[in-house]
Amino acid sequence: MLLRERWSAEHVVSVLKWLRRENARGGQIFVRPHGEHALTLLDDLTSSAIFELKHSGFDPAVIVETSRWNFQAWLNHGRVLNRKLSTQAAKELVGRFGGDPSSADWRHFGRLAGFTNQKPTRRLDNGFAPFVKLHEWSGRVYSKADEFIHHVSAVLAEAAAERDARWLTTRSVNADSIRPIAEFHNDPQYGGDLHRADMAWANHAASRGLSPQEIRAEILHARDLSKKGRAGRQLQYADRTAAKAVSSAPPIHGRCGRQMPRGGGARLPFPLRQAQCGAPSLHCKRASPSVRFTLSRLQAARPADRNHAQPPIVG
C-alpha cells in the first residue's frame, strides 16, 4: 500500500499520469479527507438507497458509481466532527440506509472517479474493469444535518452514561470482594516474602478495578517500608508495584464494562475539489499494494459558478 498524505487538489492533478499508470497495472485508487473532517462515506449502496437518501433529507454531496449499480455516497455534515462522533454518524447512517457496515468509520477510503475498479468480481461482461463514474457532486450540506448530528451526539452521551453507571456499580461490587492486604502478608505460600505478597495483592486489587493511586496508598500504609529507604524510595516502590499490577490486569472491559484506552472518463469528484472538510488521503492499491492520498487543502469551486473553470477530465 502506498499512502500519500496532505496532497492538494493541484498536486493530485499533477500526478495523474502516475496514477493512471498505477491503475493500469492493477492498482486501486482511493481517496479520503485528511484528519478530522466534515464528510461521511457510505459504501456499497444500491440505487434504491441513493433514492431514499435524497428523499429523506440526506441528499449526498457526492455520488460515485464504483461498478454496475453499485454506489458510494459522501454526505457533508457542514461541520468538522471528531473521530468518535464521525464514526457513530457513519454507523447510524448505515443502519438507516444500508451499505457496508465494515466501512462505517470516520476515515474510510472511497474510490476516486475517473479510474477503474480493479476488483476481479466487478469486471464487465467483456472482461474489462469498469470505470468509477461521478454521477453527482453538489457539495451541499444535507438538509437534516443539524437534526441528525444532534441525535448522534445524544446517542453517544447516553451510551457513555450507561457505561459509567455499569462501571460504578460493578466497581462497588468488586470493591466489596477485595481481600485485605494483611491476608496476603500472612499467607504461608509467600513464605514471609512481603514483596511478593504486595505484588500478589496489587494484582488482586487491580483485577477488581482499584486505581493505581488506591493500590499505592494501601501498600504505603499496610506495613513498615523503611527497609526500602527514605520516603521517596518507598513511594517509588509503591508506584512501581501499582503500575505493574494495573498494566498486567485483565482488560477492564471484562470486569466492569469499560474499555481501557489504547496507549469512461469521469470528472474528479467532490472530495478532491470541494467541501470544507480537511484534507483527503489518496490510496492506490495494486493487487494488494495501493495508493492512498490525503488532501491537505480542498478547493471550494462550485460547478454552478461560471467564473470557475470546469474540473479536468480523467481519461
C-alpha atoms as a PDB file:
ATOM      1  CA  MET A   1       0.000   0.000   0.000  1.00  0.00           C
ATOM      2  CA  LEU A   2       1.262   3.460  -0.907  1.00  0.00           C
ATOM      3  CA  LEU A   3      -0.180   6.177   1.311  1.00  0.00           C
ATOM      4  CA  ARG A   4       0.268   9.828   0.361  1.00  0.00           C
ATOM      5  CA  GLU A   5      -0.964  12.387   2.864  1.00  0.00           C
ATOM      6  CA  ARG A   6      -1.796  16.082   2.739  1.00  0.00           C
ATOM      7  CA  TRP A   7      -1.888  16.353  -1.032  1.00  0.00           C
ATOM      8  CA  SER A   8      -3.565  19.404  -2.515  1.00  0.00           C
ATOM      9  CA  ALA A   9      -6.020  19.079  -5.418  1.00  0.00           C
ATOM     10  CA  GLU A  10      -3.417  20.682  -7.668  1.00  0.00           C
ATOM     11  CA  HIS A  11      -0.838  18.087  -6.684  1.00  0.00           C
ATOM     12  CA  VAL A  12      -3.263  15.279  -7.489  1.00  0.00           C
ATOM     13  CA  VAL A  13      -3.799  16.747 -10.958  1.00  0.00           C
ATOM     14  CA  SER A  14      -0.032  16.999 -11.451  1.00  0.00           C
ATOM     15  CA  VAL A  15       0.455  13.271 -10.830  1.00  0.00           C
ATOM     16  CA  LEU A  16      -2.466  11.996 -12.884  1.00  0.00           C
ATOM     17  CA  LYS A  17      -0.116  10.239 -15.336  1.00  0.00           C
ATOM     18  CA  TRP A  18       1.455   8.286 -12.495  1.00  0.00           C
ATOM     19  CA  LEU A  19      -1.959   7.433 -11.044  1.00  0.00           C
ATOM     20  CA  ARG A  20      -3.178   6.234 -14.457  1.00  0.00           C
ATOM     21  CA  ARG A  21      -0.107   4.052 -14.805  1.00  0.00           C
ATOM     22  CA  GLU A  22      -0.592   2.511 -11.360  1.00  0.00           C
ATOM     23  CA  ASN A  23      -4.271   1.934 -12.132  1.00  0.00           C
ATOM     24  CA  ALA A  24      -3.451   0.307 -15.487  1.00  0.00           C
ATOM     25  CA  ARG A  25      -1.105  -2.071 -13.667  1.00  0.00           C
ATOM     26  CA  GLY A  26      -3.926  -3.223 -11.411  1.00  0.00           C
ATOM     27  CA  GLY A  27      -3.684  -0.611  -8.669  1.00  0.00           C
ATOM     28  CA  GLN A  28      -6.814   0.608  -6.884  1.00  0.00           C
ATOM     29  CA  ILE A  29      -7.067   4.385  -6.410  1.00  0.00           C
ATOM     30  CA  PHE A  30      -8.782   5.631  -3.252  1.00  0.00           C
ATOM     31  CA  VAL A  31      -9.221   8.995  -1.559  1.00  0.00           C
ATOM     32  CA  ARG A  32     -10.318  10.287   1.841  1.00  0.00           C
ATOM     33  CA  PRO A  33     -10.156  13.537   3.815  1.00  0.00           C
ATOM     34  CA  HIS A  34      -7.000  14.015   5.871  1.00  0.00           C
ATOM     35  CA  GLY A  35      -7.503  14.223   9.616  1.00  0.00           C
ATOM     36  CA  GLU A  36     -10.853  15.030  11.208  1.00  0.00           C
ATOM     37  CA  HIS A  37     -13.337  16.319   8.651  1.00  0.00           C
ATOM     38  CA  ALA A  38     -16.976  17.040   7.799  1.00  0.00           C
ATOM     39  CA  LEU A  39     -17.773  14.112   5.492  1.00  0.00           C
ATOM     40  CA  THR A  40     -19.166  10.595   5.889  1.00  0.00           C
ATOM     41  CA  LEU A  41     -18.712   7.893   3.270  1.00  0.00           C
ATOM     42  CA  LEU A  42     -21.444   5.312   2.687  1.00  0.00           C
ATOM     43  CA  ASP A  43     -20.120   2.349   0.712  1.00  0.00           C
ATOM     44  CA  ASP A  44     -21.778  -0.406  -1.287  1.00  0.00           C
ATOM     45  CA  LEU A  45     -25.123   1.359  -1.758  1.00  0.00           C
ATOM     46  CA  THR A  46     -27.885   0.352  -4.145  1.00  0.00           C
ATOM     47  CA  SER A  47     -29.771   2.758  -6.390  1.00  0.00           C
ATOM     48  CA  SER A  48     -32.759   2.350  -4.046  1.00  0.00           C
ATOM     49  CA  ALA A  49     -30.634   3.525  -1.104  1.00  0.00           C
ATOM     50  CA  ILE A  50     -29.497   6.575  -3.087  1.00  0.00           C
ATOM     51  CA  PHE A  51     -33.148   7.392  -3.851  1.00  0.00           C
ATOM     52  CA  GLU A  52     -34.057   7.030  -0.176  1.00  0.00           C
ATOM     53  CA  LEU A  53     -31.177   9.283   0.907  1.00  0.00           C
ATOM     54  CA  LYS A  54     -32.315  12.025  -1.448  1.00  0.00           C
ATOM     55  CA  HIS A  55     -35.932  11.874  -0.324  1.00  0.00           C
ATOM     56  CA  SER A  56     -35.202  11.682   3.400  1.00  0.00           C
ATOM     57  CA  GLY A  57     -33.305  14.934   3.846  1.00  0.00           C
ATOM     58  CA  PHE A  58     -29.876  13.282   3.454  1.00  0.00           C
ATOM     59  CA  ASP A  59     -29.037  14.375  -0.089  1.00  0.00           C
ATOM     60  CA  PRO A  60     -25.403  13.329  -0.744  1.00  0.00           C
ATOM     61  CA  ALA A  61     -22.762  15.907  -1.604  1.00  0.00           C
ATOM     62  CA  VAL A  62     -21.163  13.377  -3.967  1.00  0.00           C
ATOM     63  CA  ILE A  63     -22.453  10.212  -5.630  1.00  0.00           C
ATOM     64  CA  VAL A  64     -19.991   7.853  -7.296  1.00  0.00           C
ATOM     65  CA  GLU A  65     -20.803   4.651  -9.202  1.00  0.00           C
ATOM     66  CA  THR A  66     -17.981   2.249  -8.373  1.00  0.00           C
ATOM     67  CA  SER A  67     -19.273  -0.626 -10.530  1.00  0.00           C
ATOM     68  CA  ARG A  68     -22.508  -1.525 -12.279  1.00  0.00           C
ATOM     69  CA  TRP A  69     -25.411  -0.493  -9.977  1.00  0.00           C
ATOM     70  CA  ASN A  70     -23.081  -0.150  -7.019  1.00  0.00           C
ATOM     71  CA  PHE A  71     -22.567   3.279  -5.457  1.00  0.00           C
ATOM     72  CA  GLN A  72     -20.663   5.265  -2.865  1.00  0.00           C
ATOM     73  CA  ALA A  73     -22.074   8.466  -1.374  1.00  0.00           C
ATOM     74  CA  TRP A  74     -20.314  11.233   0.556  1.00  0.00           C
ATOM     75  CA  LEU A  75     -22.503  13.254   2.935  1.00  0.00           C
ATOM     76  CA  ASN A  76     -21.444  16.723   4.040  1.00  0.00           C
ATOM     77  CA  HIS A  77     -22.395  17.465   7.665  1.00  0.00           C
ATOM     78  CA  GLY A  78     -21.454  21.123   7.380  1.00  0.00           C
ATOM     79  CA  ARG A  79     -19.087  20.946  10.352  1.00  0.00           C
ATOM     80  CA  VAL A  80     -15.961  19.052  11.319  1.00  0.00           C
ATOM     81  CA  LEU A  81     -16.788  16.034  13.505  1.00  0.00           C
ATOM     82  CA  ASN A  82     -14.425  14.450  15.998  1.00  0.00           C
ATOM     83  CA  ARG A  83     -13.465  10.825  15.383  1.00  0.00           C
ATOM     84  CA  LYS A  84     -15.931   9.260  17.789  1.00  0.00           C
ATOM     85  CA  LEU A  85     -18.844  11.372  16.560  1.00  0.00           C
ATOM     86  CA  SER A  86     -17.901  10.812  12.911  1.00  0.00           C
ATOM     87  CA  THR A  87     -17.725   7.036  13.364  1.00  0.00           C
ATOM     88  CA  GLN A  88     -21.060   6.934  15.182  1.00  0.00           C
ATOM     89  CA  ALA A  89     -22.642   9.072  12.446  1.00  0.00           C
ATOM     90  CA  ALA A  90     -21.433   6.592   9.824  1.00  0.00           C
ATOM     91  CA  LYS A  91     -22.870   3.662  11.793  1.00  0.00           C
ATOM     92  CA  GLU A  92     -26.209   5.417  12.239  1.00  0.00           C
ATOM     93  CA  LEU A  93     -26.412   6.179   8.510  1.00  0.00           C
ATOM     94  CA  VAL A  94     -25.602   2.588   7.551  1.00  0.00           C
ATOM     95  CA  GLY A  95     -28.285   1.412   9.965  1.00  0.00           C
ATOM     96  CA  ARG A  96     -30.845   3.680   8.296  1.00  0.00           C
ATOM     97  CA  PHE A  97     -29.927   3.411   4.628  1.00  0.00           C
ATOM     98  CA  GLY A  98     -27.847   0.259   4.269  1.00  0.00           C
ATOM     99  CA  GLY A  99     -24.369  -0.130   2.873  1.00  0.00           C
ATOM    100  CA  ASP A 100     -21.267  -1.895   4.119  1.00  0.00           C
ATOM    101  CA  PRO A 101     -21.114  -1.859   7.962  1.00  0.00           C
ATOM    102  CA  SER A 102     -17.371  -2.602   7.902  1.00  0.00           C
ATOM    103  CA  SER A 103     -16.827   0.711   6.094  1.00  0.00           C
ATOM    104  CA  ALA A 104     -18.728   2.710   8.708  1.00  0.00           C
ATOM    105  CA  ASP A 105     -15.962   4.688  10.400  1.00  0.00           C
ATOM    106  CA  TRP A 106     -14.528   8.174  10.422  1.00  0.00           C
ATOM    107  CA  ARG A 107     -11.703   7.642   7.935  1.00  0.00           C
ATOM    108  CA  HIS A 108     -12.735   5.052   5.373  1.00  0.00           C
ATOM    109  CA  PHE A 109     -11.378   5.429   1.852  1.00  0.00           C
ATOM    110  CA  GLY A 110     -13.664   5.960  -1.148  1.00  0.00           C
ATOM    111  CA  ARG A 111     -12.865   5.265  -4.787  1.00  0.00           C
ATOM    112  CA  LEU A 112     -11.591   8.109  -6.930  1.00  0.00           C
ATOM    113  CA  ALA A 113     -13.730   8.760 -10.004  1.00  0.00           C
ATOM    114  CA  GLY A 114     -12.045   8.597 -13.378  1.00  0.00           C
ATOM    115  CA  PHE A 115     -10.071   5.422 -12.614  1.00  0.00           C
ATOM    116  CA  THR A 116     -11.057   1.786 -12.988  1.00  0.00           C
ATOM    117  CA  ASN A 117     -12.282  -0.588 -10.303  1.00  0.00           C
ATOM    118  CA  GLN A 118      -9.766  -3.419 -10.446  1.00  0.00           C
ATOM    119  CA  LYS A 119     -11.708  -5.874  -8.301  1.00  0.00           C
ATOM    120  CA  PRO A 120     -11.940  -9.137 -10.285  1.00  0.00           C
ATOM    121  CA  THR A 121     -15.533  -9.652  -9.104  1.00  0.00           C
ATOM    122  CA  ARG A 122     -16.562  -6.299 -10.610  1.00  0.00           C
ATOM    123  CA  ARG A 123     -15.444  -6.994 -14.174  1.00  0.00           C
ATOM    124  CA  LEU A 124     -17.820  -6.170 -17.021  1.00  0.00           C
ATOM    125  CA  ASP A 125     -19.225  -8.857 -19.326  1.00  0.00           C
ATOM    126  CA  ASN A 126     -16.494  -8.037 -21.842  1.00  0.00           C
ATOM    127  CA  GLY A 127     -13.804  -8.700 -19.239  1.00  0.00           C
ATOM    128  CA  PHE A 128     -12.757  -5.073 -18.790  1.00  0.00           C
ATOM    129  CA  ALA A 129     -12.593  -3.276 -15.444  1.00  0.00           C
ATOM    130  CA  PRO A 130     -15.419  -0.723 -15.051  1.00  0.00           C
ATOM    131  CA  PHE A 131     -14.643   2.956 -14.693  1.00  0.00           C
ATOM    132  CA  VAL A 132     -15.568   4.624 -11.430  1.00  0.00           C
ATOM    133  CA  LYS A 133     -18.047   7.293 -12.550  1.00  0.00           C
ATOM    134  CA  LEU A 134     -19.029  10.545 -10.922  1.00  0.00           C
ATOM    135  CA  HIS A 135     -22.820  10.880 -11.012  1.00  0.00           C
ATOM    136  CA  GLU A 136     -23.422  13.982  -8.902  1.00  0.00           C
ATOM    137  CA  TRP A 137     -21.351  16.462  -6.944  1.00  0.00           C
ATOM    138  CA  SER A 138     -23.280  19.368  -5.489  1.00  0.00           C
ATOM    139  CA  GLY A 139     -21.160  19.694  -2.364  1.00  0.00           C
ATOM    140  CA  ARG A 140     -24.185  20.828  -0.403  1.00  0.00           C
ATOM    141  CA  VAL A 141     -24.829  20.129   3.263  1.00  0.00           C
ATOM    142  CA  TYR A 142     -27.874  17.846   3.530  1.00  0.00           C
ATOM    143  CA  SER A 143     -30.961  19.474   4.970  1.00  0.00           C
ATOM    144  CA  LYS A 144     -31.247  17.335   8.117  1.00  0.00           C
ATOM    145  CA  ALA A 145     -27.604  17.745   9.140  1.00  0.00           C
ATOM    146  CA  ASP A 146     -28.228  19.699  12.357  1.00  0.00           C
ATOM    147  CA  GLU A 147     -31.047  17.402  13.491  1.00  0.00           C
ATOM    148  CA  PHE A 148     -29.042  14.263  12.692  1.00  0.00           C
ATOM    149  CA  ILE A 149     -25.815  15.357  14.400  1.00  0.00           C
ATOM    150  CA  HIS A 150     -27.816  16.371  17.478  1.00  0.00           C
ATOM    151  CA  HIS A 151     -29.346  12.872  17.529  1.00  0.00           C
ATOM    152  CA  VAL A 152     -25.968  11.143  17.127  1.00  0.00           C
ATOM    153  CA  SER A 153     -24.461  13.270  19.908  1.00  0.00           C
ATOM    154  CA  ALA A 154     -27.337  12.289  22.193  1.00  0.00           C
ATOM    155  CA  VAL A 155     -26.820   8.601  21.388  1.00  0.00           C
ATOM    156  CA  LEU A 156     -23.127   8.862  22.301  1.00  0.00           C
ATOM    157  CA  ALA A 157     -23.886  10.735  25.521  1.00  0.00           C
ATOM    158  CA  GLU A 158     -26.467   8.147  26.564  1.00  0.00           C
ATOM    159  CA  ALA A 159     -24.076   5.271  25.820  1.00  0.00           C
ATOM    160  CA  ALA A 160     -21.319   6.958  27.839  1.00  0.00           C
ATOM    161  CA  ALA A 161     -23.670   7.480  30.779  1.00  0.00           C
ATOM    162  CA  GLU A 162     -24.689   3.808  30.693  1.00  0.00           C
ATOM    163  CA  ARG A 163     -21.047   2.683  30.625  1.00  0.00           C
ATOM    164  CA  ASP A 164     -20.206   4.909  33.584  1.00  0.00           C
ATOM    165  CA  ALA A 165     -23.195   3.620  35.541  1.00  0.00           C
ATOM    166  CA  ARG A 166     -22.216  -0.003  34.853  1.00  0.00           C
ATOM    167  CA  TRP A 167     -18.621   0.723  35.819  1.00  0.00           C
ATOM    168  CA  LEU A 168     -19.572   2.377  39.113  1.00  0.00           C
ATOM    169  CA  THR A 169     -21.990  -0.421  40.012  1.00  0.00           C
ATOM    170  CA  THR A 170     -19.578  -3.203  39.152  1.00  0.00           C
ATOM    171  CA  ARG A 171     -16.672  -1.468  40.836  1.00  0.00           C
ATOM    172  CA  SER A 172     -18.698  -1.102  44.025  1.00  0.00           C
ATOM    173  CA  VAL A 173     -19.493  -4.825  43.971  1.00  0.00           C
ATOM    174  CA  ASN A 174     -15.883  -5.726  43.207  1.00  0.00           C
ATOM    175  CA  ALA A 175     -14.574  -3.447  45.951  1.00  0.00           C
ATOM    176  CA  ASP A 176     -16.550  -5.450  48.500  1.00  0.00           C
ATOM    177  CA  SER A 177     -14.786  -8.604  47.309  1.00  0.00           C
ATOM    178  CA  ILE A 178     -11.239  -7.263  47.701  1.00  0.00           C
ATOM    179  CA  ARG A 179      -9.309  -9.187  50.318  1.00  0.00           C
ATOM    180  CA  PRO A 180      -7.281  -7.207  52.883  1.00  0.00           C
ATOM    181  CA  ILE A 181      -3.596  -6.869  52.080  1.00  0.00           C
ATOM    182  CA  ALA A 182      -2.789  -8.316  55.523  1.00  0.00           C
ATOM    183  CA  GLU A 183      -4.187 -11.665  54.383  1.00  0.00           C
ATOM    184  CA  PHE A 184      -1.548 -11.777  51.671  1.00  0.00           C
ATOM    185  CA  HIS A 185       1.220 -10.761  54.080  1.00  0.00           C
ATOM    186  CA  ASN A 186       0.259 -13.635  56.362  1.00  0.00           C
ATOM    187  CA  ASP A 187      -0.318 -16.190  53.612  1.00  0.00           C
ATOM    188  CA  PRO A 188       2.160 -19.117  54.008  1.00  0.00           C
ATOM    189  CA  GLN A 189       2.532 -19.517  50.245  1.00  0.00           C
ATOM    190  CA  TYR A 190       4.656 -16.346  50.131  1.00  0.00           C
ATOM    191  CA  GLY A 191       6.951 -17.614  52.884  1.00  0.00           C
ATOM    192  CA  GLY A 192       7.309 -14.220  54.519  1.00  0.00           C
ATOM    193  CA  ASP A 193       8.353 -12.541  51.243  1.00  0.00           C
ATOM    194  CA  LEU A 194       6.342  -9.354  51.670  1.00  0.00           C
ATOM    195  CA  HIS A 195       7.463  -8.007  48.300  1.00  0.00           C
ATOM    196  CA  ARG A 196       5.793 -10.964  46.562  1.00  0.00           C
ATOM    197  CA  ALA A 197       2.780 -10.614  48.832  1.00  0.00           C
ATOM    198  CA  ASP A 198       2.440  -6.898  47.950  1.00  0.00           C
ATOM    199  CA  MET A 199       2.599  -7.755  44.252  1.00  0.00           C
ATOM    200  CA  ALA A 200       0.017 -10.524  44.604  1.00  0.00           C
ATOM    201  CA  TRP A 201      -2.373  -8.243  46.466  1.00  0.00           C
ATOM    202  CA  ALA A 202      -1.856  -5.453  43.942  1.00  0.00           C
ATOM    203  CA  ASN A 203      -2.750  -7.835  41.095  1.00  0.00           C
ATOM    204  CA  HIS A 204      -5.799  -8.966  43.043  1.00  0.00           C
ATOM    205  CA  ALA A 205      -6.921  -5.370  43.690  1.00  0.00           C
ATOM    206  CA  ALA A 206      -6.253  -4.217  40.121  1.00  0.00           C
ATOM    207  CA  SER A 207      -8.336  -7.090  38.745  1.00  0.00           C
ATOM    208  CA  ARG A 208     -11.253  -5.725  40.763  1.00  0.00           C
ATOM    209  CA  GLY A 209     -10.997  -2.202  39.479  1.00  0.00           C
ATOM    210  CA  LEU A 210      -8.859  -0.354  42.031  1.00  0.00           C
ATOM    211  CA  SER A 211      -6.890   2.509  40.555  1.00  0.00           C
ATOM    212  CA  PRO A 212      -3.080   2.796  40.766  1.00  0.00           C
ATOM    213  CA  GLN A 213      -3.463   5.597  43.324  1.00  0.00           C
ATOM    214  CA  GLU A 214      -5.659   3.475  45.594  1.00  0.00           C
ATOM    215  CA  ILE A 215      -3.312   0.487  45.331  1.00  0.00           C
ATOM    216  CA  ARG A 216      -0.287   2.689  46.057  1.00  0.00           C
ATOM    217  CA  ALA A 217      -1.938   4.216  49.128  1.00  0.00           C
ATOM    218  CA  GLU A 218      -2.789   0.803  50.569  1.00  0.00           C
ATOM    219  CA  ILE A 219       0.745  -0.528  50.042  1.00  0.00           C
ATOM    220  CA  LEU A 220       2.283   2.543  51.685  1.00  0.00           C
ATOM    221  CA  HIS A 221       0.135   2.251  54.809  1.00  0.00           C
ATOM    222  CA  ALA A 222      -0.109  -1.534  55.178  1.00  0.00           C
ATOM    223  CA  ARG A 223       3.348  -2.148  56.646  1.00  0.00           C
ATOM    224  CA  ASP A 224       6.688  -0.602  57.548  1.00  0.00           C
ATOM    225  CA  LEU A 225       8.600   0.091  54.322  1.00  0.00           C
ATOM    226  CA  SER A 226      11.658   1.685  55.937  1.00  0.00           C
ATOM    227  CA  LYS A 227      13.842  -1.127  54.534  1.00  0.00           C
ATOM    228  CA  LYS A 228      13.129   0.314  51.083  1.00  0.00           C
ATOM    229  CA  GLY A 229      14.879   3.540  52.035  1.00  0.00           C
ATOM    230  CA  ARG A 230      13.644   7.051  52.586  1.00  0.00           C
ATOM    231  CA  ALA A 231      10.116   8.223  51.885  1.00  0.00           C
ATOM    232  CA  GLY A 232      10.888   8.891  48.238  1.00  0.00           C
ATOM    233  CA  ARG A 233      12.163   5.331  47.674  1.00  0.00           C
ATOM    234  CA  GLN A 234       9.138   3.918  49.462  1.00  0.00           C
ATOM    235  CA  LEU A 235       6.831   5.924  47.232  1.00  0.00           C
ATOM    236  CA  GLN A 236       8.681   4.719  44.125  1.00  0.00           C
ATOM    237  CA  TYR A 237       8.292   1.110  45.278  1.00  0.00           C
ATOM    238  CA  ALA A 238       4.554   1.523  45.802  1.00  0.00           C
ATOM    239  CA  ASP A 239       4.186   3.323  42.458  1.00  0.00           C
ATOM    240  CA  ARG A 240       6.050   0.597  40.545  1.00  0.00           C
ATOM    241  CA  THR A 241       4.034  -2.166  42.168  1.00  0.00           C
ATOM    242  CA  ALA A 242       0.701  -0.458  41.467  1.00  0.00           C
ATOM    243  CA  ALA A 243       1.602   0.410  37.870  1.00  0.00           C
ATOM    244  CA  LYS A 244       2.779  -3.128  37.108  1.00  0.00           C
ATOM    245  CA  ALA A 245      -0.376  -4.625  38.594  1.00  0.00           C
ATOM    246  CA  VAL A 246      -2.714  -2.347  36.649  1.00  0.00           C
ATOM    247  CA  SER A 247      -0.842  -2.827  33.363  1.00  0.00           C
ATOM    248  CA  SER A 248      -0.945  -6.627  33.655  1.00  0.00           C
ATOM    249  CA  ALA A 249      -4.513  -6.880  34.939  1.00  0.00           C
ATOM    250  CA  PRO A 250      -7.160  -8.441  32.626  1.00  0.00           C
ATOM    251  CA  PRO A 251      -8.901  -5.920  30.282  1.00  0.00           C
ATOM    252  CA  ILE A 252     -11.181  -3.807  32.405  1.00  0.00           C
ATOM    253  CA  HIS A 253     -13.983  -4.273  29.844  1.00  0.00           C
ATOM    254  CA  GLY A 254     -14.341  -7.855  31.064  1.00  0.00           C
ATOM    255  CA  ARG A 255     -14.653  -6.705  34.678  1.00  0.00           C
ATOM    256  CA  CYS A 256     -16.799  -3.625  34.600  1.00  0.00           C
ATOM    257  CA  GLY A 257     -17.901  -2.800  31.059  1.00  0.00           C
ATOM    258  CA  ARG A 258     -15.347  -0.064  30.427  1.00  0.00           C
ATOM    259  CA  GLN A 259     -12.524  -0.412  27.979  1.00  0.00           C
ATOM    260  CA  MET A 260      -9.122   0.879  28.907  1.00  0.00           C
ATOM    261  CA  PRO A 261      -7.755   3.475  26.461  1.00  0.00           C
ATOM    262  CA  ARG A 262      -5.345   2.101  23.902  1.00  0.00           C
ATOM    263  CA  GLY A 263      -1.962   3.723  24.549  1.00  0.00           C
ATOM    264  CA  GLY A 264     -15.266   6.034 -19.178  1.00  0.00           C
ATOM    265  CA  GLY A 265     -13.876   9.361 -18.406  1.00  0.00           C
ATOM    266  CA  ALA A 266     -15.266  10.899 -15.302  1.00  0.00           C
ATOM    267  CA  ARG A 267     -14.536  14.187 -13.594  1.00  0.00           C
ATOM    268  CA  LEU A 268     -12.551  14.444 -10.425  1.00  0.00           C
ATOM    269  CA  PRO A 269     -15.038  14.043  -7.591  1.00  0.00           C
ATOM    270  CA  PHE A 270     -16.063  16.499  -4.934  1.00  0.00           C
ATOM    271  CA  PRO A 271     -13.706  15.270  -2.194  1.00  0.00           C
ATOM    272  CA  LEU A 272     -10.771  16.391  -4.363  1.00  0.00           C
ATOM    273  CA  ARG A 273     -12.159  19.748  -5.381  1.00  0.00           C
ATOM    274  CA  GLN A 274     -14.750  20.891  -2.945  1.00  0.00           C
ATOM    275  CA  ALA A 275     -16.011  20.693   0.643  1.00  0.00           C
ATOM    276  CA  GLN A 276     -14.773  22.382   3.712  1.00  0.00           C
ATOM    277  CA  CYS A 277     -13.664  19.236   5.424  1.00  0.00           C
ATOM    278  CA  GLY A 278      -9.936  18.961   5.665  1.00  0.00           C
ATOM    279  CA  ALA A 279      -7.570  17.063   3.520  1.00  0.00           C
ATOM    280  CA  PRO A 280      -8.308  13.732   1.829  1.00  0.00           C
ATOM    281  CA  SER A 281      -5.794  10.893   1.508  1.00  0.00           C
ATOM    282  CA  LEU A 282      -5.074   9.120  -1.751  1.00  0.00           C
ATOM    283  CA  HIS A 283      -4.538   5.413  -1.853  1.00  0.00           C
ATOM    284  CA  CYS A 284      -3.522   3.373  -4.911  1.00  0.00           C
ATOM    285  CA  LYS A 285      -3.954  -0.340  -4.486  1.00  0.00           C
ATOM    286  CA  ARG A 286      -2.284  -2.759  -6.858  1.00  0.00           C
ATOM    287  CA  ALA A 287      -3.421  -6.328  -6.230  1.00  0.00           C
ATOM    288  CA  SER A 288      -2.551  -5.895  -2.607  1.00  0.00           C
ATOM    289  CA  PRO A 289      -0.484  -2.671  -2.834  1.00  0.00           C
ATOM    290  CA  SER A 290      -2.473   0.522  -3.057  1.00  0.00           C
ATOM    291  CA  VAL A 291      -2.023   4.263  -3.381  1.00  0.00           C
ATOM    292  CA  ARG A 292      -3.969   6.429  -0.984  1.00  0.00           C
ATOM    293  CA  PHE A 293      -3.647  10.149  -0.526  1.00  0.00           C
ATOM    294  CA  THR A 294      -4.953  12.716   1.910  1.00  0.00           C
ATOM    295  CA  LEU A 295      -5.603  16.212   0.651  1.00  0.00           C
ATOM    296  CA  SER A 296      -4.359  18.985   2.873  1.00  0.00           C
ATOM    297  CA  ARG A 297      -6.467  21.611   1.131  1.00  0.00           C
ATOM    298  CA  LEU A 298      -9.810  21.281  -0.618  1.00  0.00           C
ATOM    299  CA  GLN A 299     -10.946  23.891  -3.069  1.00  0.00           C
ATOM    300  CA  ALA A 300     -14.369  25.462  -2.914  1.00  0.00           C
ATOM    301  CA  ALA A 301     -15.050  25.760  -6.655  1.00  0.00           C
ATOM    302  CA  ARG A 302     -18.747  25.193  -7.356  1.00  0.00           C
ATOM    303  CA  PRO A 303     -19.934  23.590 -10.603  1.00  0.00           C
ATOM    304  CA  ALA A 304     -22.644  26.218 -10.946  1.00  0.00           C
ATOM    305  CA  ASP A 305     -20.135  29.079 -10.753  1.00  0.00           C
ATOM    306  CA  ARG A 306     -19.359  30.079 -14.344  1.00  0.00           C
ATOM    307  CA  ASN A 307     -16.324  32.062 -13.196  1.00  0.00           C
ATOM    308  CA  HIS A 308     -14.508  28.854 -12.321  1.00  0.00           C
ATOM    309  CA  ALA A 309     -13.044  26.516 -14.856  1.00  0.00           C
ATOM    310  CA  GLN A 310     -14.682  23.129 -15.234  1.00  0.00           C
ATOM    311  CA  PRO A 311     -12.926  20.255 -13.485  1.00  0.00           C
ATOM    312  CA  PRO A 312     -10.349  18.387 -15.546  1.00  0.00           C
ATOM    313  CA  ILE A 313     -11.316  15.095 -17.169  1.00  0.00           C
ATOM    314  CA  VAL A 314      -9.551  11.925 -16.118  1.00  0.00           C
ATOM    315  CA  GLY A 315      -9.452   9.571 -19.060  1.00  0.00           C
END
